[in-house]
C-alpha atoms as a PDB file:
ATOM      1  CA  UNK A   1      12.432  20.369 -24.134  1.00  0.00           C
ATOM      2  CA  UNK A   2      13.721  21.251 -20.910  1.00  0.00           C
ATOM      3  CA  UNK A   3      14.548  19.756 -17.555  1.00  0.00           C
ATOM      4  CA  UNK A   4      12.454  21.196 -14.729  1.00  0.00           C
ATOM      5  CA  UNK A   5      13.066  21.615 -11.056  1.00  0.00           C
ATOM      6  CA  UNK A   6      11.429  18.868  -8.973  1.00  0.00           C
ATOM      7  CA  UNK A   7       9.822  20.197  -5.900  1.00  0.00           C
ATOM      8  CA  UNK A   8      10.896  18.377  -2.595  1.00  0.00           C
ATOM      9  CA  UNK A   9       9.143  17.507   0.595  1.00  0.00           C
ATOM     10  CA  UNK A  10       8.078  19.628   2.722  1.00  0.00           C
ATOM     11  CA  UNK A  11       7.079  21.961  -0.071  1.00  0.00           C
ATOM     12  CA  UNK A  12       3.249  22.470   0.430  1.00  0.00           C
ATOM     13  CA  UNK A  13       2.440  22.438  -3.469  1.00  0.00           C
ATOM     14  CA  UNK A  14       2.679  18.617  -3.068  1.00  0.00           C
ATOM     15  CA  UNK A  15      -0.471  18.623  -1.214  1.00  0.00           C
ATOM     16  CA  UNK A  16      -2.314  20.427  -3.935  1.00  0.00           C
ATOM     17  CA  UNK A  17      -5.074  18.656  -5.772  1.00  0.00           C
ATOM     18  CA  UNK A  18      -4.408  18.882  -9.538  1.00  0.00           C
ATOM     19  CA  UNK A  19      -7.140  20.356 -11.964  1.00  0.00           C
ATOM     20  CA  UNK A  20      -8.243  18.230 -14.953  1.00  0.00           C
ATOM     21  CA  UNK A  21      -6.911  19.153 -18.275  1.00  0.00           C
ATOM     22  CA  UNK A  22      -9.825  20.544 -20.463  1.00  0.00           C
ATOM     23  CA  UNK A  23      -7.849  20.481 -23.708  1.00  0.00           C
ATOM     24  CA  UNK A  24      -4.392  18.816 -24.930  1.00  0.00           C
ATOM     25  CA  UNK A  25      -2.755  21.978 -26.208  1.00  0.00           C
ATOM     26  CA  UNK A  26       0.918  22.691 -27.369  1.00  0.00           C
ATOM     27  CA  UNK A  27       1.672  23.739 -23.855  1.00  0.00           C
ATOM     28  CA  UNK A  28       0.439  20.505 -22.384  1.00  0.00           C
ATOM     29  CA  UNK A  29       2.464  18.508 -24.895  1.00  0.00           C
ATOM     30  CA  UNK A  30       5.534  20.445 -24.219  1.00  0.00           C
ATOM     31  CA  UNK A  31       4.908  20.118 -20.458  1.00  0.00           C
ATOM     32  CA  UNK A  32       4.671  16.204 -21.111  1.00  0.00           C
ATOM     33  CA  UNK A  33       8.013  16.439 -23.086  1.00  0.00           C
ATOM     34  CA  UNK A  34       9.865  18.243 -20.139  1.00  0.00           C
ATOM     35  CA  UNK A  35       8.499  15.952 -17.661  1.00  0.00           C
ATOM     36  CA  UNK A  36       9.689  12.885 -19.522  1.00  0.00           C
ATOM     37  CA  UNK A  37      13.176  14.447 -19.783  1.00  0.00           C
ATOM     38  CA  UNK A  38      13.156  15.545 -16.125  1.00  0.00           C
ATOM     39  CA  UNK A  39      11.979  11.972 -15.163  1.00  0.00           C
ATOM     40  CA  UNK A  40      14.868  10.274 -17.182  1.00  0.00           C
ATOM     41  CA  UNK A  41      17.341  12.617 -15.933  1.00  0.00           C
ATOM     42  CA  UNK A  42      16.371  12.206 -12.219  1.00  0.00           C
ATOM     43  CA  UNK A  43      16.241   9.182 -12.816  1.00  0.00           C
ATOM     44  CA  UNK A  44      12.900   7.780 -11.895  1.00  0.00           C
ATOM     45  CA  UNK A  45      10.053   5.693 -13.501  1.00  0.00           C
ATOM     46  CA  UNK A  46       7.160   8.000 -12.784  1.00  0.00           C
ATOM     47  CA  UNK A  47       6.464  11.800 -12.549  1.00  0.00           C
ATOM     48  CA  UNK A  48       3.256  13.710 -11.925  1.00  0.00           C
ATOM     49  CA  UNK A  49       3.020  17.329 -13.107  1.00  0.00           C
ATOM     50  CA  UNK A  50       2.463  18.662  -9.559  1.00  0.00           C
ATOM     51  CA  UNK A  51       6.067  17.441  -8.724  1.00  0.00           C
ATOM     52  CA  UNK A  52       7.364  20.140 -11.360  1.00  0.00           C
ATOM     53  CA  UNK A  53       5.002  22.700  -9.775  1.00  0.00           C
ATOM     54  CA  UNK A  54       2.309  22.264 -12.332  1.00  0.00           C
ATOM     55  CA  UNK A  55      -1.137  21.461 -10.554  1.00  0.00           C
ATOM     56  CA  UNK A  56      -2.725  19.668 -13.738  1.00  0.00           C
ATOM     57  CA  UNK A  57      -3.774  16.014 -14.041  1.00  0.00           C
ATOM     58  CA  UNK A  58      -0.789  14.814 -16.093  1.00  0.00           C
ATOM     59  CA  UNK A  59       1.461  11.844 -15.624  1.00  0.00           C
ATOM     60  CA  UNK A  60       4.636  10.710 -17.296  1.00  0.00           C
ATOM     61  CA  UNK A  61       5.813   6.993 -16.846  1.00  0.00           C
ATOM     62  CA  UNK A  62       8.403   4.504 -18.140  1.00  0.00           C
ATOM     63  CA  UNK A  63       8.568   1.143 -16.774  1.00  0.00           C
ATOM     64  CA  UNK A  64      11.090  -0.263 -19.417  1.00  0.00           C
ATOM     65  CA  UNK A  65      13.557  -2.465 -17.689  1.00  0.00           C
ATOM     66  CA  UNK A  66      16.379  -3.080 -20.213  1.00  0.00           C
ATOM     67  CA  UNK A  67      19.305  -0.619 -20.321  1.00  0.00           C
ATOM     68  CA  UNK A  68      19.177   1.813 -23.330  1.00  0.00           C
ATOM     69  CA  UNK A  69      15.480   0.812 -24.068  1.00  0.00           C
ATOM     70  CA  UNK A  70      12.659   3.319 -23.419  1.00  0.00           C
ATOM     71  CA  UNK A  71       8.787   3.084 -23.433  1.00  0.00           C
ATOM     72  CA  UNK A  72       7.697   6.565 -22.425  1.00  0.00           C
ATOM     73  CA  UNK A  73       3.856   6.916 -21.455  1.00  0.00           C
ATOM     74  CA  UNK A  74       1.824   9.958 -21.047  1.00  0.00           C
ATOM     75  CA  UNK A  75      -1.508   9.968 -19.103  1.00  0.00           C
ATOM     76  CA  UNK A  76      -3.720  12.775 -19.195  1.00  0.00           C
ATOM     77  CA  UNK A  77      -6.528  12.985 -16.508  1.00  0.00           C
ATOM     78  CA  UNK A  78      -5.953   9.350 -15.417  1.00  0.00           C
ATOM     79  CA  UNK A  79      -8.590   7.834 -12.974  1.00  0.00           C
ATOM     80  CA  UNK A  80      -8.620   4.427 -11.192  1.00  0.00           C
ATOM     81  CA  UNK A  81     -12.053   2.890 -12.071  1.00  0.00           C
ATOM     82  CA  UNK A  82     -11.605  -0.193  -9.702  1.00  0.00           C
ATOM     83  CA  UNK A  83      -9.202  -1.861  -7.711  1.00  0.00           C
ATOM     84  CA  UNK A  84      -8.661  -5.448  -6.589  1.00  0.00           C
ATOM     85  CA  UNK A  85      -9.351  -6.747  -2.997  1.00  0.00           C
ATOM     86  CA  UNK A  86      -5.890  -8.577  -3.310  1.00  0.00           C
ATOM     87  CA  UNK A  87      -3.067  -6.431  -2.066  1.00  0.00           C
ATOM     88  CA  UNK A  88       0.806  -6.302  -2.857  1.00  0.00           C
ATOM     89  CA  UNK A  89       3.733  -4.691  -1.308  1.00  0.00           C
ATOM     90  CA  UNK A  90       6.251  -2.999  -3.220  1.00  0.00           C
ATOM     91  CA  UNK A  91       9.218  -0.923  -1.944  1.00  0.00           C
ATOM     92  CA  UNK A  92       8.402   2.702  -3.163  1.00  0.00           C
ATOM     93  CA  UNK A  93      10.397   5.932  -3.413  1.00  0.00           C
ATOM     94  CA  UNK A  94       9.741   9.242  -4.915  1.00  0.00           C
ATOM     95  CA  UNK A  95      11.489  11.915  -6.743  1.00  0.00           C
ATOM     96  CA  UNK A  96       9.973  14.542  -4.419  1.00  0.00           C
ATOM     97  CA  UNK A  97      11.416  12.565  -1.332  1.00  0.00           C
ATOM     98  CA  UNK A  98      14.850  11.724  -2.613  1.00  0.00           C
ATOM     99  CA  UNK A  99      16.778   8.720  -1.233  1.00  0.00           C
ATOM    100  CA  UNK A 100      13.938   7.449   1.082  1.00  0.00           C
ATOM    101  CA  UNK A 101      12.328   4.061   0.341  1.00  0.00           C
ATOM    102  CA  UNK A 102       9.636   2.096   2.260  1.00  0.00           C
ATOM    103  CA  UNK A 103       7.462  -0.732   1.479  1.00  0.00           C
ATOM    104  CA  UNK A 104       3.697   0.296   0.829  1.00  0.00           C
ATOM    105  CA  UNK A 105       0.831  -1.977   0.645  1.00  0.00           C
ATOM    106  CA  UNK A 106      -1.780  -1.135  -2.304  1.00  0.00           C
ATOM    107  CA  UNK A 107      -4.275  -3.030  -4.436  1.00  0.00           C
ATOM    108  CA  UNK A 108      -2.384  -5.748  -6.711  1.00  0.00           C
ATOM    109  CA  UNK A 109      -4.648  -4.835  -9.650  1.00  0.00           C
ATOM    110  CA  UNK A 110      -6.391  -1.676 -10.725  1.00  0.00           C
ATOM    111  CA  UNK A 111      -8.338  -0.817 -13.869  1.00  0.00           C
ATOM    112  CA  UNK A 112      -7.368   2.827 -15.044  1.00  0.00           C
ATOM    113  CA  UNK A 113      -8.893   5.292 -17.634  1.00  0.00           C
ATOM    114  CA  UNK A 114      -6.845   8.046 -19.146  1.00  0.00           C
ATOM    115  CA  UNK A 115      -6.477  10.143 -22.394  1.00  0.00           C
ATOM    116  CA  UNK A 116      -3.182   9.921 -24.284  1.00  0.00           C
ATOM    117  CA  UNK A 117      -1.399  12.889 -25.544  1.00  0.00           C
ATOM    118  CA  UNK A 118      -3.375  12.569 -29.019  1.00  0.00           C
ATOM    119  CA  UNK A 119      -6.720  12.856 -27.184  1.00  0.00           C
ATOM    120  CA  UNK A 120      -7.622   9.120 -27.344  1.00  0.00           C
ATOM    121  CA  UNK A 121      -9.249   7.720 -24.336  1.00  0.00           C
ATOM    122  CA  UNK A 122      -8.109   4.247 -22.926  1.00  0.00           C
ATOM    123  CA  UNK A 123      -9.005   1.831 -20.352  1.00  0.00           C
ATOM    124  CA  UNK A 124      -6.235  -0.523 -19.072  1.00  0.00           C
ATOM    125  CA  UNK A 125      -5.858  -3.204 -16.473  1.00  0.00           C
ATOM    126  CA  UNK A 126      -2.559  -2.807 -14.484  1.00  0.00           C
ATOM    127  CA  UNK A 127      -0.808  -5.076 -12.096  1.00  0.00           C
ATOM    128  CA  UNK A 128       2.482  -5.539 -10.652  1.00  0.00           C
ATOM    129  CA  UNK A 129       4.990  -2.540 -10.890  1.00  0.00           C
ATOM    130  CA  UNK A 130       2.652  -0.738 -13.405  1.00  0.00           C
ATOM    131  CA  UNK A 131      -0.364  -0.931 -10.819  1.00  0.00           C
ATOM    132  CA  UNK A 132       1.851   0.524  -8.126  1.00  0.00           C
ATOM    133  CA  UNK A 133       3.297   3.071 -10.086  1.00  0.00           C
ATOM    134  CA  UNK A 134      -0.014   4.348 -11.587  1.00  0.00           C
ATOM    135  CA  UNK A 135      -1.490   4.485  -7.996  1.00  0.00           C
ATOM    136  CA  UNK A 136       1.487   6.300  -6.778  1.00  0.00           C
ATOM    137  CA  UNK A 137       1.360   8.945  -9.527  1.00  0.00           C
ATOM    138  CA  UNK A 138      -2.440   9.230  -9.377  1.00  0.00           C
ATOM    139  CA  UNK A 139      -1.942   9.826  -5.629  1.00  0.00           C
ATOM    140  CA  UNK A 140       0.256  12.886  -6.415  1.00  0.00           C
ATOM    141  CA  UNK A 141      -2.537  14.267  -8.329  1.00  0.00           C
ATOM    142  CA  UNK A 142      -4.755  14.130  -5.366  1.00  0.00           C
ATOM    143  CA  UNK A 143      -2.207  15.718  -2.978  1.00  0.00           C
ATOM    144  CA  UNK A 144      -1.220  12.241  -1.330  1.00  0.00           C
ATOM    145  CA  UNK A 145       2.312  11.134  -0.958  1.00  0.00           C
ATOM    146  CA  UNK A 146       3.390   7.508  -0.348  1.00  0.00           C
ATOM    147  CA  UNK A 147       4.654   8.330   3.177  1.00  0.00           C
ATOM    148  CA  UNK A 148       0.873   8.843   3.929  1.00  0.00           C
ATOM    149  CA  UNK A 149       0.395   4.900   3.929  1.00  0.00           C
ATOM    150  CA  UNK A 150       3.148   4.556   6.483  1.00  0.00           C
ATOM    151  CA  UNK A 151       2.801   4.426  10.201  1.00  0.00           C
ATOM    152  CA  UNK A 152       2.377   7.809  12.026  1.00  0.00           C
ATOM    153  CA  UNK A 153       6.014   7.317  13.527  1.00  0.00           C
ATOM    154  CA  UNK A 154       7.698   6.612  10.166  1.00  0.00           C
ATOM    155  CA  UNK A 155       5.662   9.424   8.624  1.00  0.00           C
ATOM    156  CA  UNK A 156       6.429  12.019  11.300  1.00  0.00           C
ATOM    157  CA  UNK A 157      10.186  10.854  11.155  1.00  0.00           C
ATOM    158  CA  UNK A 158      10.439  11.433   7.374  1.00  0.00           C
ATOM    159  CA  UNK A 159       8.489  14.700   7.567  1.00  0.00           C
ATOM    160  CA  UNK A 160      10.968  15.793  10.363  1.00  0.00           C
ATOM    161  CA  UNK A 161      13.964  14.925   8.395  1.00  0.00           C
ATOM    162  CA  UNK A 162      12.997  16.757   5.208  1.00  0.00           C
ATOM    163  CA  UNK A 163      11.695  19.809   6.950  1.00  0.00           C
ATOM    164  CA  UNK A 164      15.259  20.074   8.798  1.00  0.00           C
ATOM    165  CA  UNK A 165      16.989  19.573   5.409  1.00  0.00           C
ATOM    166  CA  UNK A 166      14.962  22.281   3.778  1.00  0.00           C
ATOM    167  CA  UNK A 167      15.497  24.604   6.651  1.00  0.00           C
ATOM    168  CA  UNK A 168      19.396  23.958   6.388  1.00  0.00           C
ATOM    169  CA  UNK A 169      19.061  24.563   2.621  1.00  0.00           C
ATOM    170  CA  UNK A 170      17.371  27.704   3.103  1.00  0.00           C
ATOM    171  CA  UNK A 171      20.307  29.185   5.265  1.00  0.00           C
END
């Protein structure tokens, strides 16, 4: 296992649409392991493969709340099947947009289908933090960032801030 670099806004790779995974290979398993290690080190609760510059439809997540307890989850080719009309608001952050948090409104419940790392297909209903996180990470696979849900003013402000930081870091 290895910790990978997380790409940061304004990196244009974050806007790529990730490709479906045809077959779960040793390389995909190794990528999932690296993503979990990277996510825990960051620390974060979710990570999409595109955030470590791998444009494939793979997500890792761990929503365990107790200190020292883990519940790692791996989602291959996740897709949202349905969403509730009811909405909820959560404060979201993103490992690719460090130290920036905003409230985002999303469907309160979703039904999701995914394949686990062993090739078994699952369908689950998600609500609360799980619903928010799975939507956030699937958005990454589709080149969408949580800042895209903000007002144009807020979105422009955060883009300007991270573009300036990237310019300064490149010097």
